[in-house]
Amino acid sequence: MSRKGSRGGSLQGDTPRQRLRFDELTHQTGTDGRCRIAVQLEWCGRSLRGEAEALETHHGRVRAAAQAALGAALAAATGRIDFELVGVKAFRAFDGWVVVVRVIADGQGPAVRLLGASSSEDEDGLERASARAVLDATNRILPRYVRG
């Protein structure tokens, strides 16, 4: 029996692992000093969308992107598990940027604290990195509760 990949892939013949996948992020700036971020994800062939609004600041954009991605993840969960964004932090490291998110997943049983991270080479990619950090956290547990 052969194994797929070197990252703990499934045995041949197993169903592929279901994961939320990043599709698109849009950022609209309003005239009132606020922004609206929309994140589109793909889950088992379905397109899911989440939106969030925040102040048009560095931290506001990063948090709104994380909240929008979490909203789309909640759409995939279809009420079987709840996610709450505890915090999001973007910081410079190793000549680039890193975004770290903390999410609480509350399903059947005790709540689970999840950590997700993603990197960006420059500040312009922080919103996308924030959304990908949420996927890093939620993909750890979502497939246990929801099957495509």
C-alpha atoms as a PDB file:
ATOM      1  CA  MET A   1       0.000   0.000   0.000  1.00  0.00           C
ATOM      2  CA  SER A   2       1.454   3.367  -0.962  1.00  0.00           C
ATOM      3  CA  ARG A   3       0.953   6.708   0.707  1.00  0.00           C
ATOM      4  CA  LYS A   4       0.173   9.995  -0.985  1.00  0.00           C
ATOM      5  CA  GLY A   5       2.426  12.945  -0.245  1.00  0.00           C
ATOM      6  CA  SER A   6       4.807  13.412   2.635  1.00  0.00           C
ATOM      7  CA  ARG A   7       2.500  15.529   4.819  1.00  0.00           C
ATOM      8  CA  GLY A   8       0.445  12.754   6.360  1.00  0.00           C
ATOM      9  CA  GLY A   9      -1.704  12.238   3.247  1.00  0.00           C
ATOM     10  CA  SER A  10      -4.352   9.574   3.059  1.00  0.00           C
ATOM     11  CA  LEU A  11      -3.842   6.015   1.942  1.00  0.00           C
ATOM     12  CA  GLN A  12      -4.739   5.266  -1.655  1.00  0.00           C
ATOM     13  CA  GLY A  13      -8.441   4.696  -2.026  1.00  0.00           C
ATOM     14  CA  ASP A  14      -9.374   6.917   0.918  1.00  0.00           C
ATOM     15  CA  THR A  15     -11.603   9.888   0.234  1.00  0.00           C
ATOM     16  CA  PRO A  16      -9.624  13.114  -0.105  1.00  0.00           C
ATOM     17  CA  ARG A  17      -9.511  15.364   2.925  1.00  0.00           C
ATOM     18  CA  GLN A  18     -12.053  18.166   2.789  1.00  0.00           C
ATOM     19  CA  ARG A  19     -10.680  21.637   3.418  1.00  0.00           C
ATOM     20  CA  LEU A  20     -11.851  25.182   3.043  1.00  0.00           C
ATOM     21  CA  ARG A  21      -9.950  26.797   0.202  1.00  0.00           C
ATOM     22  CA  PHE A  22      -9.304  30.502  -0.306  1.00  0.00           C
ATOM     23  CA  ASP A  23     -10.817  31.835  -3.513  1.00  0.00           C
ATOM     24  CA  GLU A  24     -11.024  35.640  -3.492  1.00  0.00           C
ATOM     25  CA  LEU A  25     -10.833  38.739  -1.313  1.00  0.00           C
ATOM     26  CA  THR A  26     -12.302  42.131  -2.175  1.00  0.00           C
ATOM     27  CA  HIS A  27     -11.699  45.387  -0.327  1.00  0.00           C
ATOM     28  CA  GLN A  28     -13.928  48.421  -0.706  1.00  0.00           C
ATOM     29  CA  THR A  29     -13.092  51.742   0.912  1.00  0.00           C
ATOM     30  CA  GLY A  30     -15.960  53.989   1.943  1.00  0.00           C
ATOM     31  CA  THR A  31     -16.039  57.744   2.186  1.00  0.00           C
ATOM     32  CA  ASP A  32     -16.691  57.573   5.947  1.00  0.00           C
ATOM     33  CA  GLY A  33     -13.258  56.195   6.897  1.00  0.00           C
ATOM     34  CA  ARG A  34     -14.504  52.611   6.960  1.00  0.00           C
ATOM     35  CA  CYS A  35     -13.858  49.635   4.720  1.00  0.00           C
ATOM     36  CA  ARG A  36     -15.769  46.512   3.743  1.00  0.00           C
ATOM     37  CA  ILE A  37     -13.899  43.272   3.171  1.00  0.00           C
ATOM     38  CA  ALA A  38     -15.483  40.256   1.488  1.00  0.00           C
ATOM     39  CA  VAL A  39     -13.860  36.825   1.439  1.00  0.00           C
ATOM     40  CA  GLN A  40     -14.975  34.030  -0.838  1.00  0.00           C
ATOM     41  CA  LEU A  41     -14.046  30.447   0.030  1.00  0.00           C
ATOM     42  CA  GLU A  42     -14.687  27.100  -1.612  1.00  0.00           C
ATOM     43  CA  TRP A  43     -15.928  24.065   0.345  1.00  0.00           C
ATOM     44  CA  CYS A  44     -16.671  20.785  -1.456  1.00  0.00           C
ATOM     45  CA  GLY A  45     -17.514  22.587  -4.690  1.00  0.00           C
ATOM     46  CA  ARG A  46     -19.686  25.227  -2.977  1.00  0.00           C
ATOM     47  CA  SER A  47     -18.799  28.901  -2.971  1.00  0.00           C
ATOM     48  CA  LEU A  48     -19.130  30.557   0.447  1.00  0.00           C
ATOM     49  CA  ARG A  49     -18.900  34.254   1.181  1.00  0.00           C
ATOM     50  CA  GLY A  50     -18.328  36.247   4.343  1.00  0.00           C
ATOM     51  CA  GLU A  51     -18.219  40.019   4.816  1.00  0.00           C
ATOM     52  CA  ALA A  52     -17.062  42.349   7.561  1.00  0.00           C
ATOM     53  CA  GLU A  53     -16.753  46.073   8.034  1.00  0.00           C
ATOM     54  CA  ALA A  54     -14.117  47.993  10.012  1.00  0.00           C
ATOM     55  CA  LEU A  55     -12.232  51.244  10.262  1.00  0.00           C
ATOM     56  CA  GLU A  56      -9.865  51.811   7.350  1.00  0.00           C
ATOM     57  CA  THR A  57      -6.740  51.243   9.464  1.00  0.00           C
ATOM     58  CA  HIS A  58      -3.979  48.668   9.336  1.00  0.00           C
ATOM     59  CA  HIS A  59      -5.464  46.635  12.188  1.00  0.00           C
ATOM     60  CA  GLY A  60      -9.047  47.250  11.039  1.00  0.00           C
ATOM     61  CA  ARG A  61      -8.394  45.750   7.599  1.00  0.00           C
ATOM     62  CA  VAL A  62      -6.572  42.719   9.008  1.00  0.00           C
ATOM     63  CA  ARG A  63      -9.322  42.049  11.562  1.00  0.00           C
ATOM     64  CA  ALA A  64     -12.112  42.544   9.001  1.00  0.00           C
ATOM     65  CA  ALA A  65     -10.446  40.063   6.625  1.00  0.00           C
ATOM     66  CA  ALA A  66     -10.230  37.497   9.435  1.00  0.00           C
ATOM     67  CA  GLN A  67     -13.846  38.114  10.455  1.00  0.00           C
ATOM     68  CA  ALA A  68     -15.048  37.816   6.840  1.00  0.00           C
ATOM     69  CA  ALA A  69     -13.179  34.519   6.379  1.00  0.00           C
ATOM     70  CA  LEU A  70     -14.648  33.258   9.643  1.00  0.00           C
ATOM     71  CA  GLY A  71     -18.127  34.196   8.403  1.00  0.00           C
ATOM     72  CA  ALA A  72     -17.608  32.064   5.293  1.00  0.00           C
ATOM     73  CA  ALA A  73     -16.271  29.207   7.454  1.00  0.00           C
ATOM     74  CA  LEU A  74     -19.422  29.429   9.571  1.00  0.00           C
ATOM     75  CA  ALA A  75     -21.485  29.052   6.393  1.00  0.00           C
ATOM     76  CA  ALA A  76     -19.641  25.781   5.708  1.00  0.00           C
ATOM     77  CA  ALA A  77     -20.279  24.608   9.277  1.00  0.00           C
ATOM     78  CA  THR A  78     -24.062  24.832   8.766  1.00  0.00           C
ATOM     79  CA  GLY A  79     -24.700  25.184  12.499  1.00  0.00           C
ATOM     80  CA  ARG A  80     -22.779  22.054  13.521  1.00  0.00           C
ATOM     81  CA  ILE A  81     -19.924  24.046  15.028  1.00  0.00           C
ATOM     82  CA  ASP A  82     -19.540  27.675  16.020  1.00  0.00           C
ATOM     83  CA  PHE A  83     -16.395  29.759  15.564  1.00  0.00           C
ATOM     84  CA  GLU A  84     -15.450  32.922  17.437  1.00  0.00           C
ATOM     85  CA  LEU A  85     -12.518  35.158  16.548  1.00  0.00           C
ATOM     86  CA  VAL A  86     -10.628  35.901  19.757  1.00  0.00           C
ATOM     87  CA  GLY A  87      -7.888  37.974  18.190  1.00  0.00           C
ATOM     88  CA  VAL A  88      -5.729  38.684  15.180  1.00  0.00           C
ATOM     89  CA  LYS A  89      -2.220  40.124  15.093  1.00  0.00           C
ATOM     90  CA  ALA A  90       0.025  41.079  12.182  1.00  0.00           C
ATOM     91  CA  PHE A  91       3.698  41.632  12.828  1.00  0.00           C
ATOM     92  CA  ARG A  92       7.008  41.885  10.992  1.00  0.00           C
ATOM     93  CA  ALA A  93       9.280  38.863  11.137  1.00  0.00           C
ATOM     94  CA  PHE A  94      12.214  37.694   9.034  1.00  0.00           C
ATOM     95  CA  ASP A  95      11.969  40.469   6.407  1.00  0.00           C
ATOM     96  CA  GLY A  96       8.255  39.773   5.864  1.00  0.00           C
ATOM     97  CA  TRP A  97       4.940  39.760   7.692  1.00  0.00           C
ATOM     98  CA  VAL A  98       3.164  37.093   9.725  1.00  0.00           C
ATOM     99  CA  VAL A  99      -0.509  37.095  10.698  1.00  0.00           C
ATOM    100  CA  VAL A 100      -1.619  34.984  13.648  1.00  0.00           C
ATOM    101  CA  VAL A 101      -5.258  34.404  14.623  1.00  0.00           C
ATOM    102  CA  ARG A 102      -6.843  32.819  17.677  1.00  0.00           C
ATOM    103  CA  VAL A 103     -10.230  31.157  17.181  1.00  0.00           C
ATOM    104  CA  ILE A 104     -12.513  29.311  19.579  1.00  0.00           C
ATOM    105  CA  ALA A 105     -14.411  26.375  18.074  1.00  0.00           C
ATOM    106  CA  ASP A 106     -17.492  25.318  19.992  1.00  0.00           C
ATOM    107  CA  GLY A 107     -19.176  22.138  18.826  1.00  0.00           C
ATOM    108  CA  GLN A 108     -20.209  19.031  20.669  1.00  0.00           C
ATOM    109  CA  GLY A 109     -18.164  18.813  23.851  1.00  0.00           C
ATOM    110  CA  PRO A 110     -15.768  21.349  25.304  1.00  0.00           C
ATOM    111  CA  ALA A 111     -14.717  24.383  23.269  1.00  0.00           C
ATOM    112  CA  VAL A 112     -11.376  24.104  21.488  1.00  0.00           C
ATOM    113  CA  ARG A 113      -8.887  26.948  21.119  1.00  0.00           C
ATOM    114  CA  LEU A 114      -7.286  27.068  17.690  1.00  0.00           C
ATOM    115  CA  LEU A 115      -4.284  28.987  16.401  1.00  0.00           C
ATOM    116  CA  GLY A 116      -3.697  29.778  12.740  1.00  0.00           C
ATOM    117  CA  ALA A 117      -0.903  31.587  10.949  1.00  0.00           C
ATOM    118  CA  SER A 118       0.014  32.758   7.472  1.00  0.00           C
ATOM    119  CA  SER A 119       2.761  34.890   6.002  1.00  0.00           C
ATOM    120  CA  SER A 120       2.991  37.710   3.488  1.00  0.00           C
ATOM    121  CA  GLU A 121       6.046  39.125   1.806  1.00  0.00           C
ATOM    122  CA  ASP A 122       4.713  42.667   2.004  1.00  0.00           C
ATOM    123  CA  GLU A 123       2.127  44.769   3.791  1.00  0.00           C
ATOM    124  CA  ASP A 124      -0.186  44.764   0.762  1.00  0.00           C
ATOM    125  CA  GLY A 125      -0.822  41.031   1.249  1.00  0.00           C
ATOM    126  CA  LEU A 126      -1.831  41.203   4.917  1.00  0.00           C
ATOM    127  CA  GLU A 127      -5.576  40.952   4.299  1.00  0.00           C
ATOM    128  CA  ARG A 128      -5.155  37.749   2.272  1.00  0.00           C
ATOM    129  CA  ALA A 129      -2.729  36.388   4.881  1.00  0.00           C
ATOM    130  CA  SER A 130      -5.299  37.132   7.579  1.00  0.00           C
ATOM    131  CA  ALA A 131      -7.986  35.155   5.724  1.00  0.00           C
ATOM    132  CA  ARG A 132      -5.546  32.268   5.126  1.00  0.00           C
ATOM    133  CA  ALA A 133      -4.610  32.258   8.839  1.00  0.00           C
ATOM    134  CA  VAL A 134      -8.299  31.725   9.671  1.00  0.00           C
ATOM    135  CA  LEU A 135      -8.360  28.797   7.236  1.00  0.00           C
ATOM    136  CA  ASP A 136      -5.238  27.400   8.888  1.00  0.00           C
ATOM    137  CA  ALA A 137      -7.098  27.403  12.206  1.00  0.00           C
ATOM    138  CA  THR A 138     -10.572  26.277  11.112  1.00  0.00           C
ATOM    139  CA  ASN A 139      -9.411  23.543   8.725  1.00  0.00           C
ATOM    140  CA  ARG A 140      -7.913  21.757  11.727  1.00  0.00           C
ATOM    141  CA  ILE A 141     -11.363  20.945  13.085  1.00  0.00           C
ATOM    142  CA  LEU A 142     -14.111  21.694  10.535  1.00  0.00           C
ATOM    143  CA  PRO A 143     -13.895  18.375   8.632  1.00  0.00           C
ATOM    144  CA  ARG A 144     -14.606  16.491  11.889  1.00  0.00           C
ATOM    145  CA  TYR A 145     -18.008  18.142  12.165  1.00  0.00           C
ATOM    146  CA  VAL A 146     -19.079  18.699   8.584  1.00  0.00           C
ATOM    147  CA  ARG A 147     -18.887  16.363   5.611  1.00  0.00           C
ATOM    148  CA  GLY A 148     -19.321  17.796   2.140  1.00  0.00           C
END
